[in-house]
Amino acid sequence: MPRTSDKRERLIDAANVLIHKHGFHKTTLADIATESDVPLGNVYYYFKTKEEICDAVIEERKKELTTTLDGCCKSKGPKKALLRLLKSMIDASDEIAESGCPHGRLCSELSNEIVGLTNSADDCLKVLLEWSRDQFKALGYKNAKDMSFEFIARIQGIVLVGNTLHDQKQIRAQLKSLCDWVEALEEQNKDDQTAA
């Protein structure tokens, strides 16, 4: 029985890597079988369609993202959590320049066009938006939803342009600038509360 689970996990891991690297449409079941070292005929035992594998990939990405965000929250306070997320992205800037954001890429590629997905490709971005909204709310911002949208939109813009140009230096520089923005927000919030 553990071998069965192992093959399924290998298929999901391979699909996750290939979909991130080449996109959903360019990734074939044969590619996934080869990458996972699972015979193509066995793939159909676990997943009847590529859409089913994509569902599993989205689910896995949500779990990984939640684990990452939970780790960011181990920092002392919401501001530190936001900064920790940005630092992890700065540390991954070479990979981002090469492959982009796995969540953003899948969202833009699938945007409501794939029938048969039970998970939505935008679920991961929703997780990020909700998490960052909670951080801004904890910082005392009444417009936490707007702040969250701006924060995630800036990250996605940096990643998209940086990946398009394969420019890890700009990715790092712009993410550091976003860190400065986050640092200044709490001070501005304190000043606003003091003035009120």
N, C-alpha and C. Protein backbone atom coordinates (compact mmCIF):
# COMPACT_ATOMS: atom_id res chain seq x y z
N MET A 1 0.80 -1.22 0.00
CA MET A 1 0.00 0.00 0.00
C MET A 1 0.84 1.28 0.00
N PRO A 2 1.93 1.39 0.79
CA PRO A 2 2.73 2.60 0.75
C PRO A 2 3.28 2.90 -0.64
N ARG A 3 3.55 1.88 -1.45
CA ARG A 3 4.07 2.10 -2.79
C ARG A 3 3.05 2.85 -3.64
N THR A 4 1.76 2.52 -3.46
CA THR A 4 0.70 3.20 -4.19
C THR A 4 0.72 4.69 -3.89
N SER A 5 0.75 5.02 -2.60
CA SER A 5 0.79 6.40 -2.18
C SER A 5 2.04 7.09 -2.72
N ASP A 6 3.16 6.36 -2.71
CA ASP A 6 4.41 6.91 -3.20
C ASP A 6 4.29 7.29 -4.68
N LYS A 7 3.69 6.43 -5.48
CA LYS A 7 3.54 6.74 -6.90
C LYS A 7 2.64 7.96 -7.11
N ARG A 8 1.56 8.01 -6.35
CA ARG A 8 0.65 9.15 -6.48
C ARG A 8 1.37 10.45 -6.10
N GLU A 9 2.10 10.41 -5.00
CA GLU A 9 2.85 11.59 -4.58
C GLU A 9 3.91 11.99 -5.60
N ARG A 10 4.58 11.00 -6.17
CA ARG A 10 5.58 11.29 -7.19
C ARG A 10 4.94 11.93 -8.42
N LEU A 11 3.76 11.47 -8.79
CA LEU A 11 3.04 12.06 -9.92
C LEU A 11 2.67 13.52 -9.63
N ILE A 12 2.18 13.78 -8.42
CA ILE A 12 1.80 15.14 -8.05
C ILE A 12 3.04 16.04 -8.02
N ASP A 13 4.12 15.54 -7.42
CA ASP A 13 5.36 16.34 -7.35
C ASP A 13 5.88 16.66 -8.75
N ALA A 14 5.88 15.65 -9.62
CA ALA A 14 6.36 15.86 -10.99
C ALA A 14 5.46 16.85 -11.73
N ALA A 15 4.15 16.69 -11.58
CA ALA A 15 3.21 17.61 -12.25
C ALA A 15 3.40 19.03 -11.72
N ASN A 16 3.61 19.17 -10.43
CA ASN A 16 3.82 20.48 -9.82
C ASN A 16 5.02 21.18 -10.44
N VAL A 17 6.13 20.47 -10.55
CA VAL A 17 7.35 21.03 -11.13
C VAL A 17 7.15 21.38 -12.61
N LEU A 18 6.60 20.44 -13.36
CA LEU A 18 6.45 20.64 -14.80
C LEU A 18 5.45 21.74 -15.14
N ILE A 19 4.35 21.78 -14.41
CA ILE A 19 3.35 22.82 -14.67
C ILE A 19 3.93 24.19 -14.34
N HIS A 20 4.71 24.26 -13.28
CA HIS A 20 5.35 25.54 -12.93
C HIS A 20 6.37 25.93 -14.01
N LYS A 21 7.13 24.98 -14.46
CA LYS A 21 8.20 25.27 -15.42
C LYS A 21 7.68 25.53 -16.83
N HIS A 22 6.73 24.71 -17.29
CA HIS A 22 6.29 24.76 -18.69
C HIS A 22 4.85 25.22 -18.89
N GLY A 23 4.09 25.29 -17.80
CA GLY A 23 2.68 25.65 -17.91
C GLY A 23 1.81 24.41 -18.01
N PHE A 24 0.54 24.59 -17.72
CA PHE A 24 -0.42 23.47 -17.74
C PHE A 24 -0.58 22.92 -19.14
N HIS A 25 -0.78 23.80 -20.11
CA HIS A 25 -1.09 23.35 -21.48
C HIS A 25 0.07 22.62 -22.14
N LYS A 26 1.29 23.02 -21.84
CA LYS A 26 2.44 22.38 -22.48
C LYS A 26 2.90 21.11 -21.77
N THR A 27 2.37 20.87 -20.58
CA THR A 27 2.73 19.66 -19.84
C THR A 27 1.77 18.54 -20.22
N THR A 28 2.33 17.40 -20.60
CA THR A 28 1.51 16.25 -20.99
C THR A 28 1.56 15.18 -19.90
N LEU A 29 0.59 14.28 -19.96
CA LEU A 29 0.60 13.15 -19.02
C LEU A 29 1.87 12.32 -19.21
N ALA A 30 2.32 12.20 -20.45
CA ALA A 30 3.56 11.46 -20.73
C ALA A 30 4.75 12.14 -20.06
N ASP A 31 4.79 13.48 -20.12
CA ASP A 31 5.87 14.22 -19.44
C ASP A 31 5.86 13.93 -17.94
N ILE A 32 4.67 13.96 -17.37
CA ILE A 32 4.52 13.73 -15.92
C ILE A 32 4.95 12.31 -15.57
N ALA A 33 4.55 11.34 -16.40
CA ALA A 33 4.93 9.94 -16.17
C ALA A 33 6.46 9.80 -16.21
N THR A 34 7.08 10.39 -17.20
CA THR A 34 8.54 10.31 -17.35
C THR A 34 9.24 10.95 -16.16
N GLU A 35 8.81 12.16 -15.80
CA GLU A 35 9.44 12.90 -14.70
C GLU A 35 9.29 12.17 -13.37
N SER A 36 8.16 11.50 -13.17
CA SER A 36 7.90 10.82 -11.90
C SER A 36 8.41 9.38 -11.88
N ASP A 37 8.88 8.92 -13.03
CA ASP A 37 9.33 7.53 -13.16
C ASP A 37 8.20 6.53 -12.84
N VAL A 38 7.01 6.90 -13.32
CA VAL A 38 5.84 6.03 -13.20
C VAL A 38 5.38 5.71 -14.62
N PRO A 39 5.19 4.44 -14.96
CA PRO A 39 4.74 4.11 -16.32
C PRO A 39 3.44 4.85 -16.67
N LEU A 40 3.36 5.31 -17.92
CA LEU A 40 2.21 6.09 -18.36
C LEU A 40 0.89 5.37 -18.09
N GLY A 41 0.86 4.07 -18.32
CA GLY A 41 -0.37 3.31 -18.06
C GLY A 41 -0.80 3.37 -16.61
N ASN A 42 0.15 3.48 -15.69
CA ASN A 42 -0.18 3.56 -14.26
C ASN A 42 -0.74 4.92 -13.86
N VAL A 43 -0.42 5.95 -14.65
CA VAL A 43 -0.91 7.29 -14.34
C VAL A 43 -2.43 7.27 -14.26
N TYR A 44 -3.06 6.56 -15.17
CA TYR A 44 -4.52 6.55 -15.26
C TYR A 44 -5.17 5.84 -14.08
N TYR A 45 -4.42 5.05 -13.35
CA TYR A 45 -4.93 4.42 -12.14
C TYR A 45 -5.18 5.48 -11.07
N TYR A 46 -4.32 6.49 -11.04
CA TYR A 46 -4.41 7.52 -10.01
C TYR A 46 -5.17 8.75 -10.48
N PHE A 47 -5.01 9.10 -11.75
CA PHE A 47 -5.64 10.31 -12.29
C PHE A 47 -6.16 9.99 -13.69
N LYS A 48 -7.43 10.20 -13.89
CA LYS A 48 -8.02 9.89 -15.20
C LYS A 48 -7.69 10.95 -16.25
N THR A 49 -7.47 12.19 -15.78
CA THR A 49 -7.21 13.29 -16.72
C THR A 49 -6.10 14.19 -16.17
N LYS A 50 -5.59 15.03 -17.03
CA LYS A 50 -4.60 16.01 -16.61
C LYS A 50 -5.25 17.02 -15.65
N GLU A 51 -6.53 17.29 -15.84
CA GLU A 51 -7.24 18.20 -14.94
C GLU A 51 -7.26 17.66 -13.51
N GLU A 52 -7.42 16.34 -13.37
CA GLU A 52 -7.40 15.74 -12.03
C GLU A 52 -6.05 15.92 -11.37
N ILE A 53 -4.99 15.77 -12.13
CA ILE A 53 -3.65 16.00 -11.58
C ILE A 53 -3.49 17.47 -11.22
N CYS A 54 -4.01 18.36 -12.05
CA CYS A 54 -3.92 19.79 -11.76
C CYS A 54 -4.65 20.12 -10.47
N ASP A 55 -5.82 19.51 -10.24
CA ASP A 55 -6.53 19.68 -8.97
C ASP A 55 -5.65 19.30 -7.79
N ALA A 56 -4.98 18.15 -7.93
CA ALA A 56 -4.10 17.68 -6.85
C ALA A 56 -2.93 18.63 -6.65
N VAL A 57 -2.40 19.18 -7.74
CA VAL A 57 -1.30 20.14 -7.66
C VAL A 57 -1.75 21.40 -6.93
N ILE A 58 -2.92 21.91 -7.27
CA ILE A 58 -3.44 23.12 -6.61
C ILE A 58 -3.62 22.85 -5.11
N GLU A 59 -4.17 21.70 -4.79
CA GLU A 59 -4.37 21.34 -3.38
C GLU A 59 -3.03 21.27 -2.65
N GLU A 60 -2.03 20.68 -3.28
CA GLU A 60 -0.69 20.57 -2.69
C GLU A 60 -0.07 21.96 -2.52
N ARG A 61 -0.24 22.81 -3.51
CA ARG A 61 0.31 24.16 -3.41
C ARG A 61 -0.34 24.95 -2.28
N LYS A 62 -1.65 24.78 -2.10
CA LYS A 62 -2.32 25.46 -0.99
C LYS A 62 -1.77 25.00 0.35
N LYS A 63 -1.53 23.70 0.49
CA LYS A 63 -0.96 23.17 1.73
C LYS A 63 0.43 23.73 1.97
N GLU A 64 1.27 23.72 0.95
CA GLU A 64 2.64 24.23 1.07
C GLU A 64 2.62 25.72 1.42
N LEU A 65 1.75 26.46 0.76
CA LEU A 65 1.65 27.89 1.01
C LEU A 65 1.19 28.16 2.44
N THR A 66 0.21 27.42 2.90
CA THR A 66 -0.28 27.57 4.27
C THR A 66 0.83 27.29 5.27
N THR A 67 1.62 26.24 5.01
CA THR A 67 2.75 25.91 5.88
C THR A 67 3.77 27.06 5.90
N THR A 68 4.07 27.60 4.72
CA THR A 68 5.01 28.73 4.63
C THR A 68 4.48 29.94 5.40
N LEU A 69 3.22 30.26 5.20
CA LEU A 69 2.63 31.42 5.87
C LEU A 69 2.55 31.22 7.38
N ASP A 70 2.24 29.99 7.80
CA ASP A 70 2.25 29.69 9.24
C ASP A 70 3.65 29.90 9.81
N GLY A 71 4.67 29.51 9.05
CA GLY A 71 6.05 29.73 9.47
C GLY A 71 6.37 31.21 9.59
N CYS A 72 5.85 32.01 8.66
CA CYS A 72 6.07 33.47 8.72
C CYS A 72 5.44 34.05 9.99
N CYS A 73 4.33 33.49 10.42
CA CYS A 73 3.62 34.00 11.59
C CYS A 73 4.33 33.65 12.89
N LYS A 74 5.34 32.81 12.84
CA LYS A 74 6.11 32.50 14.05
C LYS A 74 7.00 33.68 14.43
N SER A 75 7.12 34.64 13.52
CA SER A 75 7.84 35.87 13.83
C SER A 75 7.04 36.65 14.86
N LYS A 76 7.68 37.61 15.49
CA LYS A 76 7.00 38.38 16.53
C LYS A 76 6.21 39.51 15.89
N GLY A 77 4.94 39.27 15.70
CA GLY A 77 4.04 40.30 15.21
C GLY A 77 3.78 40.25 13.72
N PRO A 78 2.68 40.89 13.30
CA PRO A 78 2.26 40.84 11.90
C PRO A 78 3.22 41.52 10.93
N LYS A 79 3.83 42.61 11.37
CA LYS A 79 4.79 43.29 10.50
C LYS A 79 5.97 42.38 10.20
N LYS A 80 6.47 41.71 11.22
CA LYS A 80 7.58 40.77 11.03
C LYS A 80 7.17 39.61 10.14
N ALA A 81 5.91 39.18 10.24
CA ALA A 81 5.41 38.09 9.39
C ALA A 81 5.43 38.51 7.92
N LEU A 82 4.95 39.73 7.64
CA LEU A 82 4.97 40.23 6.26
C LEU A 82 6.40 40.33 5.74
N LEU A 83 7.30 40.83 6.58
CA LEU A 83 8.70 40.97 6.19
C LEU A 83 9.36 39.61 5.98
N ARG A 84 8.98 38.64 6.80
CA ARG A 84 9.55 37.29 6.65
C ARG A 84 9.14 36.68 5.31
N LEU A 85 7.89 36.90 4.90
CA LEU A 85 7.44 36.42 3.60
C LEU A 85 8.29 37.06 2.49
N LEU A 86 8.48 38.36 2.56
CA LEU A 86 9.27 39.05 1.55
C LEU A 86 10.71 38.57 1.55
N LYS A 87 11.27 38.33 2.73
CA LYS A 87 12.65 37.84 2.82
C LYS A 87 12.79 36.48 2.16
N SER A 88 11.79 35.62 2.38
CA SER A 88 11.85 34.29 1.74
C SER A 88 11.82 34.41 0.22
N MET A 89 11.10 35.42 -0.27
CA MET A 89 11.06 35.64 -1.71
C MET A 89 12.37 36.23 -2.22
N ILE A 90 12.96 37.11 -1.44
CA ILE A 90 14.27 37.66 -1.82
C ILE A 90 15.28 36.52 -1.91
N ASP A 91 15.24 35.61 -0.93
CA ASP A 91 16.15 34.46 -0.93
C ASP A 91 15.92 33.56 -2.15
N ALA A 92 14.71 33.55 -2.68
CA ALA A 92 14.37 32.70 -3.83
C ALA A 92 14.39 33.47 -5.15
N SER A 93 15.00 34.64 -5.17
CA SER A 93 14.93 35.50 -6.36
C SER A 93 15.53 34.86 -7.61
N ASP A 94 16.56 34.03 -7.47
CA ASP A 94 17.12 33.35 -8.65
C ASP A 94 16.08 32.41 -9.27
N GLU A 95 15.41 31.65 -8.42
CA GLU A 95 14.38 30.73 -8.90
C GLU A 95 13.19 31.49 -9.48
N ILE A 96 12.82 32.59 -8.84
CA ILE A 96 11.70 33.41 -9.34
C ILE A 96 12.04 33.98 -10.71
N ALA A 97 13.28 34.45 -10.88
CA ALA A 97 13.69 35.00 -12.18
C ALA A 97 13.62 33.93 -13.27
N GLU A 98 13.91 32.70 -12.90
CA GLU A 98 13.91 31.60 -13.86
C GLU A 98 12.50 31.09 -14.15
N SER A 99 11.68 30.90 -13.11
CA SER A 99 10.40 30.21 -13.29
C SER A 99 9.17 31.02 -12.93
N GLY A 100 9.32 32.16 -12.29
CA GLY A 100 8.16 32.98 -11.93
C GLY A 100 7.44 32.44 -10.71
N CYS A 101 6.25 32.92 -10.51
CA CYS A 101 5.41 32.51 -9.37
C CYS A 101 4.55 31.34 -9.80
N PRO A 102 4.62 30.22 -9.09
CA PRO A 102 3.80 29.08 -9.48
C PRO A 102 2.30 29.38 -9.39
N HIS A 103 1.92 30.22 -8.45
CA HIS A 103 0.50 30.52 -8.25
C HIS A 103 -0.01 31.50 -9.30
N GLY A 104 0.72 32.58 -9.49
CA GLY A 104 0.31 33.59 -10.46
C GLY A 104 0.27 33.04 -11.88
N ARG A 105 1.29 32.24 -12.21
CA ARG A 105 1.34 31.68 -13.56
C ARG A 105 0.14 30.77 -13.83
N LEU A 106 -0.18 29.93 -12.88
CA LEU A 106 -1.31 29.02 -13.06
C LEU A 106 -2.62 29.80 -13.16
N CYS A 107 -2.76 30.84 -12.35
CA CYS A 107 -3.98 31.67 -12.41
C CYS A 107 -4.15 32.30 -13.78
N SER A 108 -3.07 32.89 -14.29
CA SER A 108 -3.20 33.56 -15.59
C SER A 108 -3.40 32.56 -16.71
N GLU A 109 -2.82 31.39 -16.59
CA GLU A 109 -2.97 30.40 -17.66
C GLU A 109 -4.36 29.76 -17.68
N LEU A 110 -4.91 29.51 -16.51
CA LEU A 110 -6.18 28.77 -16.46
C LEU A 110 -7.41 29.64 -16.34
N SER A 111 -7.26 30.85 -15.91
CA SER A 111 -8.36 31.78 -15.65
C SER A 111 -9.72 31.34 -16.19
N ASN A 112 -10.36 30.50 -15.43
CA ASN A 112 -11.74 30.04 -15.67
C ASN A 112 -11.97 29.30 -16.98
N GLU A 113 -10.94 28.81 -17.63
CA GLU A 113 -11.15 28.16 -18.92
C GLU A 113 -11.17 26.64 -18.84
N ILE A 114 -10.71 26.07 -17.75
CA ILE A 114 -10.60 24.62 -17.67
C ILE A 114 -11.83 24.03 -16.98
N VAL A 115 -12.59 23.26 -17.72
CA VAL A 115 -13.73 22.56 -17.16
C VAL A 115 -13.20 21.28 -16.53
N GLY A 116 -13.72 20.92 -15.38
CA GLY A 116 -13.29 19.68 -14.75
C GLY A 116 -12.38 19.90 -13.56
N LEU A 117 -11.99 21.14 -13.30
CA LEU A 117 -11.21 21.42 -12.10
C LEU A 117 -12.17 21.66 -10.94
N THR A 118 -11.97 20.95 -9.85
CA THR A 118 -12.81 21.22 -8.68
C THR A 118 -12.19 22.33 -7.84
N ASN A 119 -10.88 22.47 -7.92
CA ASN A 119 -10.19 23.58 -7.26
C ASN A 119 -10.03 24.72 -8.26
N SER A 120 -10.04 25.91 -7.75
CA SER A 120 -9.83 27.07 -8.62
C SER A 120 -8.35 27.42 -8.61
N ALA A 121 -7.81 27.74 -9.76
CA ALA A 121 -6.39 28.10 -9.85
C ALA A 121 -6.08 29.32 -8.99
N ASP A 122 -7.07 30.16 -8.73
CA ASP A 122 -6.81 31.36 -7.94
C ASP A 122 -6.88 31.12 -6.43
N ASP A 123 -7.13 29.86 -6.02
CA ASP A 123 -7.21 29.57 -4.58
C ASP A 123 -5.95 29.96 -3.83
N CYS A 124 -4.78 29.74 -4.43
CA CYS A 124 -3.53 30.09 -3.74
C CYS A 124 -3.39 31.59 -3.55
N LEU A 125 -3.78 32.36 -4.56
CA LEU A 125 -3.72 33.81 -4.40
C LEU A 125 -4.72 34.28 -3.35
N LYS A 126 -5.86 33.61 -3.28
CA LYS A 126 -6.84 33.96 -2.24
C LYS A 126 -6.27 33.68 -0.85
N VAL A 127 -5.53 32.58 -0.70
CA VAL A 127 -4.87 32.27 0.57
C VAL A 127 -3.91 33.40 0.94
N LEU A 128 -3.10 33.84 -0.03
CA LEU A 128 -2.16 34.94 0.22
C LEU A 128 -2.88 36.24 0.58
N LEU A 129 -3.95 36.55 -0.14
CA LEU A 129 -4.70 37.77 0.13
C LEU A 129 -5.32 37.74 1.52
N GLU A 130 -5.91 36.61 1.90
CA GLU A 130 -6.54 36.50 3.22
C GLU A 130 -5.50 36.59 4.33
N TRP A 131 -4.36 35.92 4.12
CA TRP A 131 -3.31 35.93 5.14
C TRP A 131 -2.77 37.35 5.33
N SER A 132 -2.45 38.02 4.23
CA SER A 132 -1.90 39.37 4.36
C SER A 132 -2.95 40.34 4.90
N ARG A 133 -4.22 40.14 4.53
CA ARG A 133 -5.29 40.97 5.11
C ARG A 133 -5.30 40.82 6.63
N ASP A 134 -5.15 39.59 7.10
CA ASP A 134 -5.13 39.35 8.55
C ASP A 134 -3.94 40.07 9.21
N GLN A 135 -2.80 40.13 8.51
CA GLN A 135 -1.63 40.81 9.08
C GLN A 135 -1.87 42.31 9.16
N PHE A 136 -2.43 42.91 8.10
CA PHE A 136 -2.69 44.34 8.12
C PHE A 136 -3.78 44.68 9.15
N LYS A 137 -4.75 43.78 9.29
CA LYS A 137 -5.80 43.98 10.29
C LYS A 137 -5.19 43.97 11.69
N ALA A 138 -4.27 43.03 11.93
CA ALA A 138 -3.61 42.94 13.23
C ALA A 138 -2.75 44.18 13.51
N LEU A 139 -2.30 44.84 12.45
CA LEU A 139 -1.54 46.08 12.61
C LEU A 139 -2.46 47.28 12.89
N GLY A 140 -3.76 47.06 12.83
CA GLY A 140 -4.71 48.12 13.15
C GLY A 140 -5.29 48.86 11.97
N TYR A 141 -5.04 48.38 10.77
CA TYR A 141 -5.55 49.06 9.58
C TYR A 141 -7.00 48.70 9.33
N LYS A 142 -7.83 49.73 9.22
CA LYS A 142 -9.25 49.50 8.92
C LYS A 142 -9.45 49.10 7.46
N ASN A 143 -8.53 49.51 6.60
CA ASN A 143 -8.61 49.17 5.17
C ASN A 143 -7.69 47.98 4.85
N ALA A 144 -7.67 47.01 5.75
CA ALA A 144 -6.76 45.86 5.62
C ALA A 144 -6.96 45.11 4.30
N LYS A 145 -8.19 45.02 3.82
CA LYS A 145 -8.44 44.32 2.57
C LYS A 145 -7.77 45.04 1.40
N ASP A 146 -7.88 46.36 1.37
CA ASP A 146 -7.22 47.15 0.32
C ASP A 146 -5.70 47.06 0.43
N MET A 147 -5.20 47.11 1.66
CA MET A 147 -3.75 47.00 1.88
C MET A 147 -3.24 45.65 1.39
N SER A 148 -4.00 44.61 1.68
CA SER A 148 -3.64 43.26 1.26
C SER A 148 -3.60 43.17 -0.26
N PHE A 149 -4.60 43.73 -0.90
CA PHE A 149 -4.65 43.70 -2.37
C PHE A 149 -3.42 44.40 -2.95
N GLU A 150 -3.10 45.57 -2.40
CA GLU A 150 -1.94 46.31 -2.90
C GLU A 150 -0.64 45.52 -2.67
N PHE A 151 -0.49 44.95 -1.50
CA PHE A 151 0.71 44.19 -1.15
C PHE A 151 0.91 43.00 -2.09
N ILE A 152 -0.13 42.20 -2.28
CA ILE A 152 -0.02 41.01 -3.14
C ILE A 152 0.11 41.43 -4.61
N ALA A 153 -0.60 42.48 -5.02
CA ALA A 153 -0.49 42.96 -6.40
C ALA A 153 0.93 43.43 -6.69
N ARG A 154 1.54 44.12 -5.74
CA ARG A 154 2.93 44.57 -5.94
C ARG A 154 3.87 43.37 -6.04
N ILE A 155 3.69 42.39 -5.17
CA ILE A 155 4.53 41.19 -5.23
C ILE A 155 4.39 40.52 -6.59
N GLN A 156 3.15 40.32 -7.03
CA GLN A 156 2.92 39.62 -8.29
C GLN A 156 3.48 40.42 -9.48
N GLY A 157 3.37 41.73 -9.42
CA GLY A 157 3.94 42.56 -10.48
C GLY A 157 5.46 42.44 -10.54
N ILE A 158 6.09 42.47 -9.38
CA ILE A 158 7.55 42.32 -9.30
C ILE A 158 7.97 40.97 -9.87
N VAL A 159 7.25 39.94 -9.47
CA VAL A 159 7.59 38.58 -9.93
C VAL A 159 7.37 38.45 -11.43
N LEU A 160 6.26 38.96 -11.94
CA LEU A 160 5.96 38.85 -13.37
C LEU A 160 7.01 39.56 -14.22
N VAL A 161 7.31 40.80 -13.89
CA VAL A 161 8.28 41.55 -14.69
C VAL A 161 9.68 40.97 -14.51
N GLY A 162 10.04 40.63 -13.28
CA GLY A 162 11.36 40.05 -13.03
C GLY A 162 11.56 38.73 -13.74
N ASN A 163 10.52 37.90 -13.76
CA ASN A 163 10.60 36.63 -14.47
C ASN A 163 10.65 36.84 -15.98
N THR A 164 9.85 37.76 -16.48
CA THR A 164 9.84 38.04 -17.91
C THR A 164 11.22 38.48 -18.40
N LEU A 165 11.89 39.30 -17.58
CA LEU A 165 13.21 39.81 -17.95
C LEU A 165 14.35 38.95 -17.41
N HIS A 166 14.00 37.92 -16.63
CA HIS A 166 15.00 37.04 -15.99
C HIS A 166 16.03 37.88 -15.23
N ASP A 167 15.52 38.81 -14.42
CA ASP A 167 16.38 39.77 -13.74
C ASP A 167 16.25 39.64 -12.22
N GLN A 168 17.05 38.73 -11.65
CA GLN A 168 16.97 38.51 -10.20
C GLN A 168 17.42 39.73 -9.39
N LYS A 169 18.32 40.55 -9.96
CA LYS A 169 18.76 41.75 -9.23
C LYS A 169 17.60 42.72 -9.04
N GLN A 170 16.79 42.91 -10.08
CA GLN A 170 15.63 43.80 -9.95
C GLN A 170 14.59 43.19 -9.01
N ILE A 171 14.42 41.89 -9.08
CA ILE A 171 13.46 41.24 -8.17
C ILE A 171 13.87 41.52 -6.73
N ARG A 172 15.16 41.31 -6.42
CA ARG A 172 15.65 41.56 -5.06
C ARG A 172 15.48 43.04 -4.68
N ALA A 173 15.86 43.93 -5.59
CA ALA A 173 15.77 45.36 -5.30
C ALA A 173 14.32 45.80 -5.05
N GLN A 174 13.41 45.33 -5.88
CA GLN A 174 12.02 45.74 -5.73
C GLN A 174 11.36 45.12 -4.49
N LEU A 175 11.73 43.87 -4.17
CA LEU A 175 11.20 43.26 -2.95
C LEU A 175 11.75 43.97 -1.71
N LYS A 176 13.02 44.41 -1.78
CA LYS A 176 13.58 45.18 -0.66
C LYS A 176 12.85 46.52 -0.53
N SER A 177 12.49 47.12 -1.65
CA SER A 177 11.71 48.36 -1.62
C SER A 177 10.34 48.11 -0.98
N LEU A 178 9.76 46.97 -1.27
CA LEU A 178 8.48 46.61 -0.67
C LEU A 178 8.65 46.38 0.84
N CYS A 179 9.78 45.84 1.24
CA CYS A 179 10.08 45.71 2.68
C CYS A 179 10.09 47.08 3.34
N ASP A 180 10.69 48.06 2.68
CA ASP A 180 10.72 49.43 3.20
C ASP A 180 9.30 49.98 3.34
N TRP A 181 8.46 49.67 2.35
CA TRP A 181 7.06 50.10 2.38
C TRP A 181 6.36 49.52 3.61
N VAL A 182 6.58 48.23 3.86
CA VAL A 182 5.97 47.57 5.02
C VAL A 182 6.50 48.19 6.31
N GLU A 183 7.82 48.42 6.38
CA GLU A 183 8.42 49.04 7.57
C GLU A 183 7.78 50.39 7.85
N ALA A 184 7.56 51.18 6.82
CA ALA A 184 7.01 52.53 6.99
C ALA A 184 5.52 52.50 7.37
N LEU A 185 4.81 51.48 6.97
CA LEU A 185 3.37 51.43 7.23
C LEU A 185 3.04 51.45 8.71
N GLU A 186 3.75 50.68 9.49
CA GLU A 186 3.43 50.64 10.92
C GLU A 186 3.69 52.00 11.56
N GLU A 187 4.78 52.64 11.17
CA GLU A 187 5.09 53.96 11.71
C GLU A 187 4.00 54.95 11.31
N GLN A 188 3.56 54.89 10.06
CA GLN A 188 2.50 55.78 9.60
C GLN A 188 1.23 55.50 10.36
N ASN A 189 0.92 54.24 10.60
CA ASN A 189 -0.27 53.86 11.34
C ASN A 189 -0.23 54.40 12.77
N LYS A 190 0.93 54.29 13.43
CA LYS A 190 1.07 54.81 14.79
C LYS A 190 0.88 56.33 14.80
N ASP A 191 1.47 56.99 13.81
CA ASP A 191 1.32 58.45 13.71
C ASP A 191 -0.14 58.83 13.51
N ASP A 192 -0.85 58.07 12.64
CA ASP A 192 -2.26 58.34 12.37
C ASP A 192 -3.08 58.17 13.64
N GLN A 193 -2.78 57.14 14.43
CA GLN A 193 -3.54 56.88 15.65
C GLN A 193 -3.24 57.95 16.70
N THR A 194 -1.98 58.40 16.73
CA THR A 194 -1.60 59.44 17.70
C THR A 194 -2.29 60.76 17.36
N ALA A 195 -2.35 61.07 16.06
CA ALA A 195 -2.96 62.32 15.61
C ALA A 195 -4.47 62.33 15.80
N ALA A 196 -5.07 61.12 15.79
CA ALA A 196 -6.54 61.04 15.87
C ALA A 196 -7.08 61.39 17.24
